PDB file of all heavy atoms in Angstrom:
ATOM      1  N   THR A   1     -17.521  25.244   7.809  1.00  0.00           N
ATOM      2  CA  THR A   1     -16.750  24.942   6.617  1.00  0.00           C
ATOM      3  C   THR A   1     -17.095  23.548   6.122  1.00  0.00           C
ATOM      4  O   THR A   1     -17.491  22.682   6.921  1.00  0.00           O
ATOM      5  CB  THR A   1     -15.232  25.034   6.922  1.00  0.00           C
ATOM      6  OG1 THR A   1     -14.975  26.323   7.519  1.00  0.00           O
ATOM      7  CG2 THR A   1     -14.382  24.882   5.692  1.00  0.00           C
ATOM      8  N   ASP A   2     -16.925  23.335   4.827  1.00  0.00           N
ATOM      9  CA  ASP A   2     -17.004  22.003   4.246  1.00  0.00           C
ATOM     10  C   ASP A   2     -16.284  21.014   5.147  1.00  0.00           C
ATOM     11  O   ASP A   2     -15.097  21.178   5.427  1.00  0.00           O
ATOM     12  CB  ASP A   2     -16.352  22.060   2.847  1.00  0.00           C
ATOM     13  CG  ASP A   2     -16.183  20.683   2.203  1.00  0.00           C
ATOM     14  OD1 ASP A   2     -16.748  19.706   2.718  1.00  0.00           O
ATOM     15  OD2 ASP A   2     -15.485  20.616   1.184  1.00  0.00           O
ATOM     16  N   PRO A   3     -16.967  19.978   5.666  1.00  0.00           N
ATOM     17  CA  PRO A   3     -16.304  19.053   6.613  1.00  0.00           C
ATOM     18  C   PRO A   3     -15.151  18.272   6.000  1.00  0.00           C
ATOM     19  O   PRO A   3     -14.347  17.689   6.734  1.00  0.00           O
ATOM     20  CB  PRO A   3     -17.447  18.108   7.052  1.00  0.00           C
ATOM     21  CG  PRO A   3     -18.521  18.288   6.029  1.00  0.00           C
ATOM     22  CD  PRO A   3     -18.387  19.658   5.484  1.00  0.00           C
ATOM     23  N   ASP A   4     -15.032  18.289   4.671  1.00  0.00           N
ATOM     24  CA  ASP A   4     -13.910  17.620   4.020  1.00  0.00           C
ATOM     25  C   ASP A   4     -12.899  18.619   3.465  1.00  0.00           C
ATOM     26  O   ASP A   4     -12.188  18.359   2.486  1.00  0.00           O
ATOM     27  CB  ASP A   4     -14.407  16.715   2.889  1.00  0.00           C
ATOM     28  CG  ASP A   4     -15.104  15.461   3.425  1.00  0.00           C
ATOM     29  OD1 ASP A   4     -14.484  14.771   4.276  1.00  0.00           O
ATOM     30  OD2 ASP A   4     -16.255  15.197   3.045  1.00  0.00           O
ATOM     31  N   ALA A   5     -12.817  19.786   4.113  1.00  0.00           N
ATOM     32  CA  ALA A   5     -11.775  20.758   3.771  1.00  0.00           C
ATOM     33  C   ALA A   5     -10.492  20.388   4.506  1.00  0.00           C
ATOM     34  O   ALA A   5     -10.507  20.039   5.683  1.00  0.00           O
ATOM     35  CB  ALA A   5     -12.222  22.172   4.198  1.00  0.00           C
ATOM     36  N   VAL A   6      -9.357  20.467   3.788  1.00  0.00           N
ATOM     37  CA  VAL A   6      -8.083  20.033   4.337  1.00  0.00           C
ATOM     38  C   VAL A   6      -7.039  21.141   4.129  1.00  0.00           C
ATOM     39  O   VAL A   6      -6.879  21.648   3.016  1.00  0.00           O
ATOM     40  CB  VAL A   6      -7.593  18.727   3.692  1.00  0.00           C
ATOM     41  CG1 VAL A   6      -6.211  18.351   4.203  1.00  0.00           C
ATOM     42  CG2 VAL A   6      -8.587  17.599   3.955  1.00  0.00           C
ATOM     43  N   LYS A   7      -6.332  21.461   5.196  1.00  0.00           N
ATOM     44  CA  LYS A   7      -5.243  22.441   5.115  1.00  0.00           C
ATOM     45  C   LYS A   7      -4.023  21.776   4.467  1.00  0.00           C
ATOM     46  O   LYS A   7      -3.598  20.707   4.871  1.00  0.00           O
ATOM     47  CB  LYS A   7      -4.880  22.940   6.530  1.00  0.00           C
ATOM     48  CG  LYS A   7      -3.715  23.933   6.584  1.00  0.00           C
ATOM     49  CD  LYS A   7      -4.132  25.284   6.024  1.00  0.00           C
ATOM     50  CE  LYS A   7      -2.983  26.281   6.052  1.00  0.00           C
ATOM     51  NZ  LYS A   7      -2.555  26.610   7.424  1.00  0.00           N
ATOM     52  N   ILE A   8      -3.458  22.460   3.471  1.00  0.00           N
ATOM     53  CA  ILE A   8      -2.305  21.949   2.735  1.00  0.00           C
ATOM     54  C   ILE A   8      -1.140  22.902   2.965  1.00  0.00           C
ATOM     55  O   ILE A   8      -1.294  24.128   2.885  1.00  0.00           O
ATOM     56  CB  ILE A   8      -2.610  21.881   1.225  1.00  0.00           C
ATOM     57  CG1 ILE A   8      -3.814  20.970   0.951  1.00  0.00           C
ATOM     58  CG2 ILE A   8      -1.381  21.449   0.432  1.00  0.00           C
ATOM     59  CD1 ILE A   8      -3.592  19.523   1.274  1.00  0.00           C
ATOM     60  N   ARG A   9       0.044  22.339   3.212  1.00  0.00           N
ATOM     61  CA  ARG A   9       1.233  23.159   3.439  1.00  0.00           C
ATOM     62  C   ARG A   9       2.473  22.367   3.035  1.00  0.00           C
ATOM     63  O   ARG A   9       2.423  21.159   2.780  1.00  0.00           O
ATOM     64  CB  ARG A   9       1.334  23.584   4.891  1.00  0.00           C
ATOM     65  CG  ARG A   9       1.399  22.430   5.892  1.00  0.00           C
ATOM     66  CD  ARG A   9       1.770  22.924   7.266  1.00  0.00           C
ATOM     67  NE  ARG A   9       3.109  23.468   7.282  1.00  0.00           N
ATOM     68  CZ  ARG A   9       3.531  24.396   8.148  1.00  0.00           C
ATOM     69  NH1 ARG A   9       2.714  24.856   9.066  1.00  0.00           N
ATOM     70  NH2 ARG A   9       4.764  24.836   8.114  1.00  0.00           N
ATOM     71  N   ALA A  10       3.589  23.084   2.941  1.00  0.00           N
ATOM     72  CA  ALA A  10       4.883  22.398   2.743  1.00  0.00           C
ATOM     73  C   ALA A  10       5.289  21.790   4.069  1.00  0.00           C
ATOM     74  O   ALA A  10       4.950  22.278   5.150  1.00  0.00           O
ATOM     75  CB  ALA A  10       5.923  23.391   2.259  1.00  0.00           C
ATOM     76  N   GLU A  11       6.056  20.703   3.977  1.00  0.00           N
ATOM     77  CA  GLU A  11       6.396  19.939   5.188  1.00  0.00           C
ATOM     78  C   GLU A  11       7.752  19.277   4.977  1.00  0.00           C
ATOM     79  O   GLU A  11       7.865  18.056   4.868  1.00  0.00           O
ATOM     80  CB  GLU A  11       5.299  18.909   5.458  1.00  0.00           C
ATOM     81  CG  GLU A  11       5.276  18.326   6.828  1.00  0.00           C
ATOM     82  CD  GLU A  11       4.085  17.412   7.045  1.00  0.00           C
ATOM     83  OE1 GLU A  11       3.083  17.525   6.300  1.00  0.00           O
ATOM     84  OE2 GLU A  11       4.154  16.583   7.970  1.00  0.00           O
ATOM     85  N   ASP A  12       8.787  20.100   4.933  1.00  0.00           N
ATOM     86  CA  ASP A  12      10.142  19.586   4.680  1.00  0.00           C
ATOM     87  C   ASP A  12      10.497  18.469   5.649  1.00  0.00           C
ATOM     88  O   ASP A  12      10.241  18.559   6.846  1.00  0.00           O
ATOM     89  CB  ASP A  12      11.168  20.709   4.861  1.00  0.00           C
ATOM     90  CG  ASP A  12      10.932  21.877   3.904  1.00  0.00           C
ATOM     91  OD1 ASP A  12       9.902  22.571   4.068  1.00  0.00           O
ATOM     92  OD2 ASP A  12      11.755  22.074   3.014  1.00  0.00           O
ATOM     93  N   GLY A  13      11.069  17.399   5.092  1.00  0.00           N
ATOM     94  CA  GLY A  13      11.599  16.323   5.932  1.00  0.00           C
ATOM     95  C   GLY A  13      10.623  15.196   6.200  1.00  0.00           C
ATOM     96  O   GLY A  13      10.982  14.209   6.848  1.00  0.00           O
ATOM     97  N   ARG A  14       9.389  15.294   5.732  1.00  0.00           N
ATOM     98  CA  ARG A  14       8.411  14.257   6.053  1.00  0.00           C
ATOM     99  C   ARG A  14       8.634  13.005   5.198  1.00  0.00           C
ATOM    100  O   ARG A  14       9.229  13.046   4.134  1.00  0.00           O
ATOM    101  CB  ARG A  14       6.984  14.752   5.891  1.00  0.00           C
ATOM    102  CG  ARG A  14       6.562  15.127   4.470  1.00  0.00           C
ATOM    103  CD  ARG A  14       5.072  14.970   4.248  1.00  0.00           C
ATOM    104  NE  ARG A  14       4.662  13.570   4.210  1.00  0.00           N
ATOM    105  CZ  ARG A  14       3.518  13.138   3.735  1.00  0.00           C
ATOM    106  NH1 ARG A  14       2.652  13.992   3.236  1.00  0.00           N
ATOM    107  NH2 ARG A  14       3.221  11.852   3.712  1.00  0.00           N
ATOM    108  N   GLN A  15       8.113  11.895   5.697  1.00  0.00           N
ATOM    109  CA  GLN A  15       8.107  10.624   4.968  1.00  0.00           C
ATOM    110  C   GLN A  15       7.001  10.665   3.919  1.00  0.00           C
ATOM    111  O   GLN A  15       5.894  11.104   4.190  1.00  0.00           O
ATOM    112  CB  GLN A  15       7.836   9.469   5.957  1.00  0.00           C
ATOM    113  CG  GLN A  15       7.665   8.117   5.296  1.00  0.00           C
ATOM    114  CD  GLN A  15       8.978   7.460   4.923  1.00  0.00           C
ATOM    115  OE1 GLN A  15       9.987   7.714   5.572  1.00  0.00           O
ATOM    116  NE2 GLN A  15       8.980   6.652   3.898  1.00  0.00           N
ATOM    117  N   VAL A  16       7.334  10.210   2.717  1.00  0.00           N
ATOM    118  CA  VAL A  16       6.353  10.038   1.639  1.00  0.00           C
ATOM    119  C   VAL A  16       6.521   8.624   1.106  1.00  0.00           C
ATOM    120  O   VAL A  16       7.652   8.204   0.816  1.00  0.00           O
ATOM    121  CB  VAL A  16       6.536  11.068   0.509  1.00  0.00           C
ATOM    122  CG1 VAL A  16       5.537  10.807  -0.623  1.00  0.00           C
ATOM    123  CG2 VAL A  16       6.359  12.491   1.042  1.00  0.00           C
ATOM    124  N   THR A  17       5.423   7.892   0.944  1.00  0.00           N
ATOM    125  CA  THR A  17       5.519   6.480   0.513  1.00  0.00           C
ATOM    126  C   THR A  17       4.551   6.199  -0.631  1.00  0.00           C
ATOM    127  O   THR A  17       3.330   6.237  -0.447  1.00  0.00           O
ATOM    128  CB  THR A  17       5.216   5.539   1.686  1.00  0.00           C
ATOM    129  OG1 THR A  17       6.046   5.866   2.810  1.00  0.00           O
ATOM    130  CG2 THR A  17       5.536   4.092   1.287  1.00  0.00           C
ATOM    131  N   ALA A  18       5.120   5.939  -1.814  1.00  0.00           N
ATOM    132  CA  ALA A  18       4.386   5.479  -2.984  1.00  0.00           C
ATOM    133  C   ALA A  18       3.203   6.389  -3.363  1.00  0.00           C
ATOM    134  O   ALA A  18       2.101   5.932  -3.611  1.00  0.00           O
ATOM    135  CB  ALA A  18       3.912   4.039  -2.784  1.00  0.00           C
ATOM    136  N   VAL A  19       3.447   7.691  -3.387  1.00  0.00           N
ATOM    137  CA  VAL A  19       2.408   8.665  -3.737  1.00  0.00           C
ATOM    138  C   VAL A  19       2.640   9.122  -5.180  1.00  0.00           C
ATOM    139  O   VAL A  19       3.758   9.426  -5.580  1.00  0.00           O
ATOM    140  CB  VAL A  19       2.445   9.886  -2.795  1.00  0.00           C
ATOM    141  CG1 VAL A  19       1.365  10.897  -3.184  1.00  0.00           C
ATOM    142  CG2 VAL A  19       2.220   9.439  -1.350  1.00  0.00           C
ATOM    143  N   ASN A  20       1.546   9.206  -5.934  1.00  0.00           N
ATOM    144  CA  ASN A  20       1.625   9.672  -7.319  1.00  0.00           C
ATOM    145  C   ASN A  20       1.612  11.208  -7.303  1.00  0.00           C
ATOM    146  O   ASN A  20       0.551  11.817  -7.208  1.00  0.00           O
ATOM    147  CB  ASN A  20       0.450   9.135  -8.116  1.00  0.00           C
ATOM    148  CG  ASN A  20       0.496   9.602  -9.571  1.00  0.00           C
ATOM    149  OD1 ASN A  20       1.459  10.240 -10.006  1.00  0.00           O
ATOM    150  ND2 ASN A  20      -0.563   9.327 -10.323  1.00  0.00           N
ATOM    151  N   ILE A  21       2.790  11.810  -7.412  1.00  0.00           N
ATOM    152  CA  ILE A  21       2.867  13.287  -7.438  1.00  0.00           C
ATOM    153  C   ILE A  21       3.109  13.799  -8.851  1.00  0.00           C
ATOM    154  O   ILE A  21       3.418  14.971  -9.051  1.00  0.00           O
ATOM    155  CB  ILE A  21       3.979  13.797  -6.480  1.00  0.00           C
ATOM    156  CG1 ILE A  21       5.365  13.254  -6.878  1.00  0.00           C
ATOM    157  CG2 ILE A  21       3.656  13.458  -5.038  1.00  0.00           C
ATOM    158  CD1 ILE A  21       6.519  13.914  -6.118  1.00  0.00           C
ATOM    159  N   SER A  22       2.960  12.914  -9.861  1.00  0.00           N
ATOM    160  CA  SER A  22       3.251  13.294 -11.242  1.00  0.00           C
ATOM    161  C   SER A  22       2.395  14.437 -11.779  1.00  0.00           C
ATOM    162  O   SER A  22       2.852  15.130 -12.713  1.00  0.00           O
ATOM    163  CB  SER A  22       3.140  12.078 -12.150  1.00  0.00           C
ATOM    164  OG  SER A  22       1.817  11.584 -12.198  1.00  0.00           O
ATOM    165  N   PRO A  23       1.179  14.711 -11.267  1.00  0.00           N
ATOM    166  CA  PRO A  23       0.495  15.906 -11.748  1.00  0.00           C
ATOM    167  C   PRO A  23       1.245  17.201 -11.472  1.00  0.00           C
ATOM    168  O   PRO A  23       1.012  18.199 -12.152  1.00  0.00           O
ATOM    169  CB  PRO A  23      -0.836  15.872 -10.973  1.00  0.00           C
ATOM    170  CG  PRO A  23      -1.079  14.422 -10.695  1.00  0.00           C
ATOM    171  CD  PRO A  23       0.290  13.872 -10.415  1.00  0.00           C
ATOM    172  N   PHE A  24       2.154  17.169 -10.504  1.00  0.00           N
ATOM    173  CA  PHE A  24       2.904  18.370 -10.146  1.00  0.00           C
ATOM    174  C   PHE A  24       4.407  18.248 -10.391  1.00  0.00           C
ATOM    175  O   PHE A  24       5.079  19.259 -10.645  1.00  0.00           O
ATOM    176  CB  PHE A  24       2.677  18.721  -8.663  1.00  0.00           C
ATOM    177  CG  PHE A  24       1.258  19.040  -8.323  1.00  0.00           C
ATOM    178  CD1 PHE A  24       0.451  18.127  -7.657  1.00  0.00           C
ATOM    179  CD2 PHE A  24       0.699  20.255  -8.696  1.00  0.00           C
ATOM    180  CE1 PHE A  24      -0.869  18.417  -7.355  1.00  0.00           C
ATOM    181  CE2 PHE A  24      -0.623  20.556  -8.398  1.00  0.00           C
ATOM    182  CZ  PHE A  24      -1.403  19.636  -7.730  1.00  0.00           C
ATOM    183  N   ILE A  25       4.951  17.053 -10.316  1.00  0.00           N
ATOM    184  CA  ILE A  25       6.399  16.902 -10.412  1.00  0.00           C
ATOM    185  C   ILE A  25       6.723  15.731 -11.342  1.00  0.00           C
ATOM    186  O   ILE A  25       6.230  14.621 -11.148  1.00  0.00           O
ATOM    187  CB  ILE A  25       7.032  16.704  -9.022  1.00  0.00           C
ATOM    188  CG1 ILE A  25       6.750  17.928  -8.132  1.00  0.00           C
ATOM    189  CG2 ILE A  25       8.531  16.455  -9.122  1.00  0.00           C
ATOM    190  CD1 ILE A  25       7.248  17.840  -6.723  1.00  0.00           C
ATOM    191  N   ASN A  26       7.576  16.004 -12.321  1.00  0.00           N
ATOM    192  CA  ASN A  26       8.013  15.002 -13.305  1.00  0.00           C
ATOM    193  C   ASN A  26       9.458  15.238 -13.688  1.00  0.00           C
ATOM    194  O   ASN A  26      10.037  16.290 -13.410  1.00  0.00           O
ATOM    195  CB  ASN A  26       7.130  15.096 -14.577  1.00  0.00           C
ATOM    196  CG  ASN A  26       5.825  14.367 -14.409  1.00  0.00           C
ATOM    197  OD1 ASN A  26       5.780  13.154 -14.326  1.00  0.00           O
ATOM    198  ND2 ASN A  26       4.729  15.129 -14.371  1.00  0.00           N
ATOM    199  N   ASN A  27      10.029  14.250 -14.341  1.00  0.00           N
ATOM    200  CA  ASN A  27      11.372  14.385 -14.940  1.00  0.00           C
ATOM    201  C   ASN A  27      12.410  14.867 -13.944  1.00  0.00           C
ATOM    202  O   ASN A  27      13.163  15.827 -14.207  1.00  0.00           O
ATOM    203  CB  ASN A  27      11.316  15.345 -16.152  1.00  0.00           C
ATOM    204  CG  ASN A  27      10.278  14.943 -17.167  1.00  0.00           C
ATOM    205  OD1 ASN A  27      10.150  13.744 -17.450  1.00  0.00           O
ATOM    206  ND2 ASN A  27       9.550  15.900 -17.699  1.00  0.00           N
ATOM    207  N   LEU A  28      12.452  14.227 -12.797  1.00  0.00           N
ATOM    208  CA  LEU A  28      13.493  14.572 -11.818  1.00  0.00           C
ATOM    209  C   LEU A  28      14.861  14.196 -12.380  1.00  0.00           C
ATOM    210  O   LEU A  28      14.997  13.235 -13.154  1.00  0.00           O
ATOM    211  CB  LEU A  28      13.239  13.833 -10.498  1.00  0.00           C
ATOM    212  CG  LEU A  28      12.010  14.318  -9.708  1.00  0.00           C
ATOM    213  CD1 LEU A  28      11.777  13.427  -8.500  1.00  0.00           C
ATOM    214  CD2 LEU A  28      12.171  15.763  -9.267  1.00  0.00           C
ATOM    215  N   PRO A  29      15.914  14.944 -12.009  1.00  0.00           N
ATOM    216  CA  PRO A  29      17.243  14.719 -12.588  1.00  0.00           C
ATOM    217  C   PRO A  29      17.753  13.292 -12.388  1.00  0.00           C
ATOM    218  O   PRO A  29      18.490  12.773 -13.226  1.00  0.00           O
ATOM    219  CB  PRO A  29      18.122  15.721 -11.830  1.00  0.00           C
ATOM    220  CG  PRO A  29      17.174  16.806 -11.426  1.00  0.00           C
ATOM    221  CD  PRO A  29      15.887  16.128 -11.140  1.00  0.00           C
ATOM    222  N   ASN A  30      17.413  12.639 -11.292  1.00  0.00           N
ATOM    223  CA  ASN A  30      17.883  11.281 -11.041  1.00  0.00           C
ATOM    224  C   ASN A  30      16.943  10.227 -11.609  1.00  0.00           C
ATOM    225  O   ASN A  30      17.048   9.049 -11.285  1.00  0.00           O
ATOM    226  CB  ASN A  30      18.077  11.042  -9.543  1.00  0.00           C
ATOM    227  CG  ASN A  30      16.805  11.316  -8.757  1.00  0.00           C
ATOM    228  OD1 ASN A  30      15.744  11.574  -9.333  1.00  0.00           O
ATOM    229  ND2 ASN A  30      16.891  11.243  -7.423  1.00  0.00           N
ATOM    230  N   ALA A  31      16.010  10.659 -12.462  1.00  0.00           N
ATOM    231  CA  ALA A  31      15.070   9.764 -13.131  1.00  0.00           C
ATOM    232  C   ALA A  31      14.165   9.015 -12.145  1.00  0.00           C
ATOM    233  O   ALA A  31      13.675   7.931 -12.435  1.00  0.00           O
ATOM    234  CB  ALA A  31      15.799   8.772 -14.043  1.00  0.00           C
TER     235      ALA A  31
END
């Protein structure tokens, strides 16, 4: 396989720090 292939999954409860997720998520209710 492409050596830079990465498995992607949901991961409830994980820490996320300063990631730009705006291509997928915008306009959250709490702004």
